[in-house]
Amino acid sequence: MDTRLLKKQMTTAYQYSYVRLVLNYYTLFESIAEEPRVSEHVSDCSTRLNELLSDYYSGKDVLEGVLALREDITRKVEVMTSYADCFQIFEYVLNRLERKFKVMPASSIHDDAFAKRLLEYITGSSETAVMNGRIKEVIGQLPVRLTKQKFFSLVMEGLSVYIGSPMESLKDMMYTLRTESMTRLPKDMDHGYQEFYKLLEQLRSIDYKKMTAESYENAIDNLGTVSEGLTKESGFYVMLQEIVNDFCVLILSGSEAVVDVKEEELYSSVVKEILHNFSKEEDSFGSDEIFLKLTQMEGRQETLYEKYLKIELPQADEEWYSNPHYIKSANVDILMSGSSFAELKCLSSKEESEKTEEEVLVDRLSLEKEAGAYLKELEDVFAGSSKQVVRAIMAKVLSDLPVYFGSIDEIQSYITGSLTSCLDEAEKETCKELLEELMDDENKLV
């Protein structure tokens, strides 16, 4: 890799990431100081980050420790995402029970007329991507009245578009389907998240057919409280991961970066001051000096990022994967990409490179094997779930799949059939209301 290009990339990445690290680290300090109760997991990650920063400024090699922290935060976010996916399933169920316990206005639109309006909404855009997005949104809210066999055939039909595509694409879709349908949950979901896990178990055990107004209100209130806590917890992990990513960039790019001494001192002095306050458990700073330093950084982040985007990095080539300079450059680019949890090409401090394996394409046999294993897992989940939960899972899975309709007539037939086959008027009215909101929100954006 060209030495001048490498230095240019590393210098700009180093400057940008240092500014961002300073600003995000200060935000983390403020957020933790303002929070009356921080979870044990967030506190542990924050402490590890502080220790690694302290060691870094002491001249120690901390890359391995920083990458390990990055992996741990990623795993915790996977747990948070699993909880969010599970709670969305039960939110779907509870939403459709609302009219059984509350008096709410009914829709004045007949099923056929409403189906026509939905079709007009879907076909209201000439862009295929927009149309497909609308189809998936509508499917996710329509009542589900499918036999298990019909549902499984729709899943196979949706997945068949991956035939001829790289196996990695199919595996990514299977991962999404598994996480969002509760077929494969992290083993340590209950570890340290008792509040979330307790509610999940309660929601699983409810007999929704015999639900009372009181138990409905309790479930809704508990779900709202836990969802708020889940959002807050996830927010801390995202904040921590962004700091860790910038920390990784500093370590990877530091040896090649050419930075003004005064600029370096400005950034490091702020980090060290925040680090000092963390260690002393002080929730405020003794003077305004740190705020004056932060003011000096205003606008730098945007300017440096624009500068970085103008750097044209070489396209990946199989031979480059054995080049440590390219691996370093690629990893810095991944860390700068904004995808906070993206996998790095090298996950060790030695920066060893691995050659990519030849792409395997999906054929009918491999598709049936992958999909068959998933459908078996789904059957196990369905066997232990109520009818209402099964329908919620079906709706989620169908809305995640690539669009499997071959024509507008097929879409219309599915929508009409979904509405007319639902004999639960309370559920149908709620579905119509949610779809009305969906269409209204879209129209506001136009």
Protein backbone atom coordinates (compact mmCIF):
# COMPACT_ATOMS: atom_id res chain seq x y z
CA MET A 1 0.00 0.00 0.00
CA ASP A 2 1.30 3.47 -0.93
CA THR A 3 3.10 4.96 2.11
CA ARG A 4 1.94 8.52 1.45
CA LEU A 5 -1.69 7.42 1.12
CA LEU A 6 -1.40 5.39 4.34
CA LYS A 7 0.01 8.38 6.25
CA LYS A 8 -2.69 10.66 4.88
CA GLN A 9 -5.44 8.25 5.91
CA MET A 10 -3.96 7.55 9.34
CA THR A 11 -3.32 11.21 10.13
CA THR A 12 -6.86 12.31 9.26
CA ALA A 13 -8.40 9.28 11.00
CA TYR A 14 -6.29 9.91 14.11
CA GLN A 15 -7.29 13.58 14.31
CA TYR A 16 -10.98 12.93 13.69
CA SER A 17 -11.21 10.00 16.10
CA TYR A 18 -9.36 11.87 18.85
CA VAL A 19 -11.78 14.81 18.64
CA ARG A 20 -14.77 12.48 18.62
CA LEU A 21 -13.38 10.42 21.49
CA VAL A 22 -12.93 13.55 23.61
CA LEU A 23 -16.47 14.79 22.95
CA ASN A 24 -18.11 11.38 23.44
CA TYR A 25 -16.05 10.63 26.55
CA TYR A 26 -17.21 13.90 28.08
CA THR A 27 -20.82 13.03 27.16
CA LEU A 28 -20.41 9.59 28.77
CA PHE A 29 -19.09 11.20 31.96
CA GLU A 30 -22.05 13.59 32.10
CA SER A 31 -24.58 10.85 31.34
CA ILE A 32 -23.29 8.54 34.06
CA ALA A 33 -23.09 11.42 36.56
CA GLU A 34 -26.70 12.39 35.87
CA GLU A 35 -28.04 8.83 36.04
CA PRO A 36 -29.27 7.87 39.54
CA ARG A 37 -28.65 4.18 38.88
CA VAL A 38 -26.28 2.71 36.31
CA SER A 39 -26.41 -1.03 35.66
CA GLU A 40 -23.61 -3.30 36.79
CA HIS A 41 -22.75 -4.15 33.16
CA VAL A 42 -22.47 -0.52 32.03
CA SER A 43 -20.45 0.36 35.12
CA ASP A 44 -18.07 -2.55 34.46
CA CYS A 45 -17.54 -1.53 30.81
CA SER A 46 -16.96 2.09 31.83
CA THR A 47 -14.40 1.05 34.46
CA ARG A 48 -12.55 -1.15 31.97
CA LEU A 49 -12.48 1.70 29.45
CA ASN A 50 -11.06 4.07 32.07
CA GLU A 51 -8.36 1.57 33.04
CA LEU A 52 -7.38 1.05 29.40
CA LEU A 53 -7.18 4.80 28.76
CA SER A 54 -5.01 5.21 31.86
CA ASP A 55 -2.69 2.41 30.69
CA TYR A 56 -2.57 3.92 27.19
CA TYR A 57 -1.35 7.26 28.54
CA SER A 58 1.20 5.36 30.63
CA GLY A 59 2.69 4.00 27.41
CA LYS A 60 1.36 0.45 27.64
CA ASP A 61 0.18 -1.67 24.69
CA VAL A 62 -3.59 -1.89 25.20
CA LEU A 63 -4.90 -2.92 21.76
CA GLU A 64 -5.73 -6.47 22.82
CA GLY A 65 -7.65 -5.22 25.87
CA VAL A 66 -9.54 -2.60 23.86
CA LEU A 67 -10.56 -5.17 21.23
CA ALA A 68 -11.70 -7.54 23.99
CA LEU A 69 -13.84 -4.76 25.48
CA ARG A 70 -15.27 -4.07 22.02
CA GLU A 71 -16.28 -7.73 21.67
CA ASP A 72 -17.88 -7.78 25.12
CA ILE A 73 -19.93 -4.65 24.40
CA THR A 74 -21.03 -6.18 21.08
CA ARG A 75 -22.26 -9.30 22.89
CA LYS A 76 -24.17 -7.18 25.41
CA VAL A 77 -25.84 -5.25 22.60
CA GLU A 78 -26.85 -8.56 21.01
CA VAL A 79 -28.60 -9.42 24.30
CA MET A 80 -30.31 -6.00 24.35
CA THR A 81 -31.41 -6.49 20.73
CA SER A 82 -32.81 -9.93 21.56
CA TYR A 83 -34.87 -8.47 24.40
CA ALA A 84 -36.13 -5.69 22.12
CA ASP A 85 -37.13 -8.24 19.46
CA CYS A 86 -38.96 -10.38 22.04
CA PHE A 87 -40.81 -7.42 23.53
CA GLN A 88 -41.90 -6.31 20.03
CA ILE A 89 -43.62 -9.68 19.60
CA PHE A 90 -45.59 -9.23 22.82
CA GLU A 91 -46.30 -5.58 22.06
CA TYR A 92 -47.91 -6.78 18.81
CA VAL A 93 -50.11 -9.16 20.82
CA LEU A 94 -51.11 -6.58 23.44
CA ASN A 95 -51.88 -3.90 20.83
CA ARG A 96 -54.42 -6.20 19.21
CA LEU A 97 -56.14 -6.86 22.53
CA GLU A 98 -56.58 -3.17 23.41
CA ARG A 99 -60.11 -2.79 22.04
CA LYS A 100 -61.33 -5.68 24.19
CA PHE A 101 -60.74 -3.56 27.28
CA LYS A 102 -61.18 0.01 25.98
CA VAL A 103 -63.97 1.77 24.11
CA MET A 104 -62.39 3.20 20.96
CA PRO A 105 -63.81 4.58 17.70
CA ALA A 106 -64.38 1.98 15.00
CA SER A 107 -63.20 2.30 11.43
CA SER A 108 -65.94 3.32 9.01
CA ILE A 109 -64.13 1.77 6.03
CA HIS A 110 -65.29 -1.63 4.76
CA ASP A 111 -62.65 -4.35 4.30
CA ASP A 112 -62.69 -4.19 0.47
CA ALA A 113 -62.41 -0.40 0.43
CA PHE A 114 -59.61 -0.50 3.01
CA ALA A 115 -57.75 -3.15 0.99
CA LYS A 116 -58.03 -0.91 -2.07
CA ARG A 117 -56.63 2.03 -0.13
CA LEU A 118 -53.69 -0.06 1.10
CA LEU A 119 -52.95 -1.15 -2.47
CA GLU A 120 -53.02 2.48 -3.64
CA TYR A 121 -50.58 3.33 -0.85
CA ILE A 122 -48.22 0.52 -1.88
CA THR A 123 -48.32 1.38 -5.59
CA GLY A 124 -48.18 5.12 -4.94
CA SER A 125 -44.44 5.10 -5.59
CA SER A 126 -42.74 4.24 -8.86
CA GLU A 127 -39.55 3.15 -7.05
CA THR A 128 -39.33 -0.60 -6.53
CA ALA A 129 -37.38 -0.28 -3.27
CA VAL A 130 -40.03 2.04 -1.80
CA MET A 131 -42.86 -0.25 -2.94
CA ASN A 132 -41.17 -3.29 -1.42
CA GLY A 133 -40.62 -1.42 1.83
CA ARG A 134 -44.31 -0.50 1.97
CA ILE A 135 -45.38 -4.07 1.22
CA LYS A 136 -43.29 -5.35 4.15
CA GLU A 137 -44.66 -2.66 6.49
CA VAL A 138 -48.25 -3.48 5.57
CA ILE A 139 -47.71 -7.24 5.95
CA GLY A 140 -46.25 -6.62 9.39
CA GLN A 141 -49.50 -5.01 10.60
CA LEU A 142 -52.19 -7.04 8.80
CA PRO A 143 -54.06 -9.75 10.75
CA VAL A 144 -52.48 -13.18 10.32
CA ARG A 145 -54.79 -16.15 9.74
CA LEU A 146 -52.53 -18.72 8.12
CA THR A 147 -52.13 -22.43 8.67
CA LYS A 148 -48.65 -23.47 9.71
CA GLN A 149 -48.13 -25.21 6.35
CA LYS A 150 -49.16 -22.12 4.36
CA PHE A 151 -46.90 -19.93 6.49
CA PHE A 152 -43.94 -22.27 5.99
CA SER A 153 -44.52 -22.30 2.22
CA LEU A 154 -44.48 -18.47 2.19
CA VAL A 155 -41.20 -18.50 4.12
CA MET A 156 -39.66 -20.88 1.57
CA GLU A 157 -40.99 -18.74 -1.28
CA GLY A 158 -39.50 -15.60 0.23
CA LEU A 159 -36.11 -17.23 0.83
CA SER A 160 -35.95 -18.68 -2.71
CA VAL A 161 -34.75 -15.29 -4.02
CA TYR A 162 -31.36 -16.13 -2.46
CA ILE A 163 -30.73 -18.98 -4.90
CA GLY A 164 -27.65 -17.94 -6.89
CA SER A 165 -26.62 -15.39 -4.25
CA PRO A 166 -23.61 -15.67 -1.91
CA MET A 167 -24.24 -18.01 1.03
CA GLU A 168 -23.28 -15.18 3.38
CA SER A 169 -26.36 -13.21 2.29
CA LEU A 170 -28.67 -16.12 3.13
CA LYS A 171 -26.96 -16.66 6.48
CA ASP A 172 -27.44 -12.97 7.33
CA MET A 173 -31.17 -13.29 6.60
CA MET A 174 -31.43 -16.49 8.66
CA TYR A 175 -29.73 -14.72 11.56
CA THR A 176 -32.27 -11.89 11.34
CA LEU A 177 -35.20 -14.30 11.19
CA ARG A 178 -33.93 -16.30 14.15
CA THR A 179 -33.31 -13.31 16.40
CA GLU A 180 -36.65 -11.67 15.59
CA SER A 181 -38.76 -14.82 15.98
CA MET A 182 -37.36 -15.96 19.36
CA THR A 183 -35.96 -19.20 17.90
CA ARG A 184 -32.37 -18.53 18.94
CA LEU A 185 -31.81 -16.36 21.99
CA PRO A 186 -28.46 -15.65 23.73
CA LYS A 187 -27.68 -18.17 26.46
CA ASP A 188 -26.89 -15.49 29.04
CA MET A 189 -30.03 -13.37 28.57
CA ASP A 190 -30.91 -13.66 32.25
CA HIS A 191 -27.42 -12.82 33.52
CA GLY A 192 -27.50 -9.36 35.07
CA TYR A 193 -30.79 -8.42 33.41
CA GLN A 194 -33.29 -9.89 35.87
CA GLU A 195 -35.83 -7.11 35.34
CA PHE A 196 -35.95 -7.75 31.59
CA TYR A 197 -35.88 -11.53 31.94
CA LYS A 198 -38.61 -11.60 34.59
CA LEU A 199 -41.00 -9.64 32.37
CA LEU A 200 -40.17 -11.80 29.35
CA GLU A 201 -41.05 -14.94 31.32
CA GLN A 202 -44.28 -13.32 32.54
CA LEU A 203 -45.31 -12.35 29.01
CA ARG A 204 -44.56 -15.87 27.78
CA SER A 205 -46.75 -17.46 30.46
CA ILE A 206 -49.85 -15.24 30.07
CA ASP A 207 -53.03 -16.86 28.78
CA TYR A 208 -53.98 -14.08 26.36
CA LYS A 209 -57.33 -15.65 25.57
CA LYS A 210 -58.41 -15.29 29.21
CA MET A 211 -56.72 -11.95 29.84
CA THR A 212 -58.57 -9.48 32.08
CA ALA A 213 -58.57 -5.69 31.88
CA GLU A 214 -56.41 -5.56 35.02
CA SER A 215 -53.81 -8.03 33.75
CA TYR A 216 -53.78 -6.21 30.39
CA GLU A 217 -53.03 -2.85 32.05
CA ASN A 218 -50.31 -4.43 34.20
CA ALA A 219 -48.67 -6.00 31.16
CA ILE A 220 -48.80 -2.72 29.20
CA ASP A 221 -47.37 -0.71 32.11
CA ASN A 222 -44.59 -3.22 32.77
CA LEU A 223 -43.70 -3.40 29.08
CA GLY A 224 -43.48 0.40 28.89
CA THR A 225 -41.24 0.62 31.96
CA VAL A 226 -38.90 -2.14 30.82
CA SER A 227 -38.74 -0.78 27.26
CA GLU A 228 -37.62 2.56 28.64
CA GLY A 229 -34.90 0.85 30.67
CA LEU A 230 -33.86 -1.21 27.66
CA THR A 231 -33.53 1.91 25.51
CA LYS A 232 -31.42 3.63 28.17
CA GLU A 233 -29.16 0.59 28.65
CA SER A 234 -28.67 0.19 24.89
CA GLY A 235 -27.88 3.90 24.60
CA PHE A 236 -25.01 3.56 27.08
CA TYR A 237 -23.55 0.62 25.14
CA VAL A 238 -23.69 2.49 21.83
CA MET A 239 -21.97 5.46 23.46
CA LEU A 240 -19.28 3.22 24.96
CA GLN A 241 -18.74 1.38 21.67
CA GLU A 242 -18.25 4.62 19.74
CA ILE A 243 -15.58 5.67 22.24
CA VAL A 244 -13.94 2.24 22.02
CA ASN A 245 -13.96 2.39 18.21
CA ASP A 246 -12.24 5.78 18.24
CA PHE A 247 -9.79 4.45 20.82
CA CYS A 248 -8.98 1.58 18.43
CA VAL A 249 -8.36 4.07 15.63
CA LEU A 250 -5.93 6.03 17.83
CA ILE A 251 -3.97 2.87 18.58
CA LEU A 252 -3.96 1.55 15.00
CA SER A 253 -3.15 4.87 13.32
CA GLY A 254 -0.88 6.46 15.94
CA SER A 255 2.45 5.22 14.55
CA GLU A 256 1.74 6.64 11.04
CA ALA A 257 -0.17 9.79 11.99
CA VAL A 258 1.55 13.17 11.77
CA VAL A 259 -0.09 15.48 14.30
CA ASP A 260 0.80 18.88 15.74
CA VAL A 261 2.13 18.59 19.31
CA LYS A 262 -0.17 21.32 20.66
CA GLU A 263 -3.20 19.67 19.06
CA GLU A 264 -2.24 16.35 20.66
CA GLU A 265 -1.79 18.00 24.06
CA LEU A 266 -5.21 19.66 23.84
CA TYR A 267 -7.01 16.37 23.23
CA SER A 268 -5.05 14.32 25.76
CA SER A 269 -5.42 16.95 28.50
CA VAL A 270 -9.23 16.83 28.27
CA VAL A 271 -9.31 13.02 28.32
CA LYS A 272 -6.98 12.93 31.33
CA GLU A 273 -9.09 15.45 33.21
CA ILE A 274 -12.26 13.44 32.60
CA LEU A 275 -10.36 10.30 33.59
CA HIS A 276 -9.32 12.00 36.83
CA ASN A 277 -12.92 12.88 37.66
CA PHE A 278 -14.02 9.32 36.94
CA SER A 279 -11.35 7.95 39.31
CA LYS A 280 -12.30 10.40 42.08
CA GLU A 281 -16.03 9.78 41.45
CA GLU A 282 -16.55 13.52 41.10
CA ASP A 283 -19.63 14.51 39.09
CA SER A 284 -18.42 18.01 38.14
CA PHE A 285 -15.24 19.86 37.17
CA GLY A 286 -13.52 22.34 39.48
CA SER A 287 -13.02 25.04 36.84
CA ASP A 288 -14.24 26.19 33.44
CA GLU A 289 -10.95 25.29 31.76
CA ILE A 290 -12.26 22.02 30.33
CA PHE A 291 -15.24 23.80 28.78
CA LEU A 292 -12.92 26.33 27.13
CA LYS A 293 -10.92 23.45 25.67
CA LEU A 294 -14.07 21.76 24.41
CA THR A 295 -15.12 25.03 22.78
CA GLN A 296 -11.83 25.06 20.85
CA MET A 297 -12.85 21.77 19.22
CA GLU A 298 -16.15 23.05 17.83
CA GLY A 299 -16.44 22.36 14.10
CA ARG A 300 -13.31 20.22 13.91
CA GLN A 301 -15.17 16.91 13.85
CA GLU A 302 -17.22 17.80 10.76
CA THR A 303 -14.25 19.32 8.92
CA LEU A 304 -11.99 16.35 9.57
CA TYR A 305 -14.64 13.81 8.58
CA GLU A 306 -15.24 15.58 5.26
CA LYS A 307 -11.48 15.53 4.73
CA TYR A 308 -11.38 11.78 5.46
CA LEU A 309 -14.18 11.02 3.00
CA LYS A 310 -12.13 12.61 0.20
CA ILE A 311 -9.31 10.08 0.69
CA GLU A 312 -9.60 7.40 -2.01
CA LEU A 313 -8.56 4.08 -0.55
CA PRO A 314 -7.58 1.19 -2.86
CA GLN A 315 -10.18 -1.45 -3.70
CA ALA A 316 -9.85 -4.80 -1.93
CA ASP A 317 -7.81 -7.42 -3.75
CA GLU A 318 -7.25 -11.01 -2.61
CA GLU A 319 -3.49 -10.46 -2.41
CA TRP A 320 -3.97 -7.43 -0.16
CA TYR A 321 -5.33 -9.58 2.67
CA SER A 322 -1.77 -10.79 3.36
CA ASN A 323 -0.56 -7.17 3.60
CA PRO A 324 -0.60 -5.94 7.23
CA HIS A 325 -0.71 -2.30 6.10
CA TYR A 326 -3.86 -2.95 4.09
CA ILE A 327 -5.46 -4.84 6.99
CA LYS A 328 -4.72 -1.90 9.26
CA SER A 329 -6.09 0.57 6.69
CA ALA A 330 -9.22 -1.53 6.16
CA ASN A 331 -9.87 -1.82 9.89
CA VAL A 332 -9.49 1.91 10.43
CA ASP A 333 -11.97 2.47 7.61
CA ILE A 334 -14.43 0.02 9.21
CA LEU A 335 -14.08 1.77 12.58
CA MET A 336 -14.69 5.12 10.85
CA SER A 337 -17.70 3.85 8.89
CA GLY A 338 -20.38 4.60 11.47
CA SER A 339 -21.30 0.92 11.80
CA SER A 340 -20.40 0.74 15.47
CA PHE A 341 -20.56 -3.05 15.77
CA ALA A 342 -19.11 -4.08 12.40
CA GLU A 343 -16.70 -7.01 12.50
CA LEU A 344 -13.05 -6.16 11.95
CA LYS A 345 -10.83 -7.97 9.48
CA CYS A 346 -8.23 -8.49 12.18
CA LEU A 347 -9.09 -9.03 15.82
CA SER A 348 -5.64 -9.42 17.36
CA SER A 349 -2.92 -7.01 18.34
CA LYS A 350 -0.58 -8.84 15.92
CA GLU A 351 -2.83 -7.81 13.04
CA GLU A 352 -2.58 -11.14 11.29
CA SER A 353 -4.41 -11.26 7.97
CA GLU A 354 -6.53 -14.09 6.64
CA LYS A 355 -7.31 -14.83 3.01
CA THR A 356 -10.98 -14.85 2.21
CA GLU A 357 -12.50 -18.19 1.22
CA GLU A 358 -14.01 -18.63 -2.21
CA GLU A 359 -17.63 -17.42 -2.27
CA VAL A 360 -20.14 -20.26 -2.05
CA LEU A 361 -23.41 -19.64 -3.87
CA VAL A 362 -26.82 -20.76 -2.62
CA ASP A 363 -28.48 -23.58 -4.56
CA ARG A 364 -31.86 -25.26 -4.01
CA LEU A 365 -30.36 -28.01 -1.84
CA SER A 366 -28.45 -25.67 0.48
CA LEU A 367 -31.49 -23.37 0.74
CA GLU A 368 -33.75 -26.24 1.78
CA LYS A 369 -31.17 -27.35 4.35
CA GLU A 370 -30.81 -23.87 5.91
CA ALA A 371 -34.52 -23.07 5.79
CA GLY A 372 -35.52 -26.55 6.97
CA ALA A 373 -33.41 -26.22 10.11
CA TYR A 374 -35.00 -22.84 10.84
CA LEU A 375 -38.56 -24.08 10.29
CA LYS A 376 -37.91 -26.94 12.73
CA GLU A 377 -36.79 -24.38 15.33
CA LEU A 378 -39.94 -22.36 14.62
CA GLU A 379 -42.11 -25.42 15.17
CA ASP A 380 -40.57 -25.85 18.62
CA VAL A 381 -41.29 -22.20 19.48
CA PHE A 382 -44.86 -22.46 18.16
CA ALA A 383 -45.47 -25.60 20.22
CA GLY A 384 -44.80 -23.69 23.45
CA SER A 385 -46.59 -20.47 22.50
CA SER A 386 -50.18 -19.26 22.52
CA LYS A 387 -52.06 -18.73 19.26
CA GLN A 388 -51.74 -14.94 19.66
CA VAL A 389 -47.96 -15.12 20.05
CA VAL A 390 -47.62 -17.51 17.10
CA ARG A 391 -49.51 -15.03 14.91
CA ALA A 392 -47.27 -12.20 16.08
CA ILE A 393 -44.17 -14.21 15.18
CA MET A 394 -45.62 -15.07 11.77
CA ALA A 395 -46.33 -11.39 11.06
CA LYS A 396 -42.78 -10.42 12.04
CA VAL A 397 -41.16 -13.14 9.93
CA LEU A 398 -43.28 -12.37 6.85
CA SER A 399 -42.41 -8.66 7.11
CA ASP A 400 -38.68 -9.50 7.34
CA LEU A 401 -38.59 -11.71 4.24
CA PRO A 402 -37.73 -10.39 0.78
CA VAL A 403 -40.95 -9.56 -1.09
CA TYR A 404 -42.33 -12.81 -2.50
CA PHE A 405 -45.35 -11.53 -4.47
CA GLY A 406 -45.17 -11.96 -8.23
CA SER A 407 -47.79 -9.37 -9.18
CA ILE A 408 -50.07 -6.59 -7.90
CA ASP A 409 -52.99 -9.04 -8.02
CA GLU A 410 -51.18 -11.36 -5.62
CA ILE A 411 -50.61 -8.49 -3.19
CA GLN A 412 -54.27 -7.47 -3.41
CA SER A 413 -55.38 -11.05 -2.86
CA TYR A 414 -53.19 -11.38 0.25
CA ILE A 415 -54.43 -8.10 1.77
CA THR A 416 -58.10 -8.86 1.10
CA GLY A 417 -57.76 -12.42 2.37
CA SER A 418 -56.01 -11.24 5.52
CA LEU A 419 -58.77 -8.75 6.38
CA THR A 420 -61.77 -10.93 5.51
CA SER A 421 -60.44 -14.05 7.26
CA CYS A 422 -60.03 -12.20 10.56
CA LEU A 423 -63.31 -12.65 12.46
CA ASP A 424 -62.01 -10.89 15.58
CA GLU A 425 -63.38 -7.40 14.94
CA ALA A 426 -61.43 -5.85 17.83
CA GLU A 427 -58.14 -7.10 16.41
CA LYS A 428 -59.07 -6.08 12.87
CA GLU A 429 -60.01 -2.55 13.97
CA THR A 430 -56.65 -2.18 15.73
CA CYS A 431 -54.82 -3.40 12.61
CA LYS A 432 -56.70 -0.86 10.49
CA GLU A 433 -55.86 1.90 12.95
CA LEU A 434 -52.15 1.01 12.91
CA LEU A 435 -52.15 0.86 9.11
CA GLU A 436 -53.93 4.23 8.94
CA GLU A 437 -51.17 5.70 11.13
CA LEU A 438 -48.56 4.10 8.89
CA MET A 439 -50.05 5.68 5.76
CA ASP A 440 -50.58 9.06 7.44
CA ASP A 441 -46.98 9.16 8.67
CA GLU A 442 -45.73 8.36 5.17
CA ASN A 443 -47.88 11.10 3.65
CA LYS A 444 -46.44 13.64 6.09
CA LEU A 445 -42.97 12.86 4.75
CA VAL A 446 -43.97 13.38 1.13
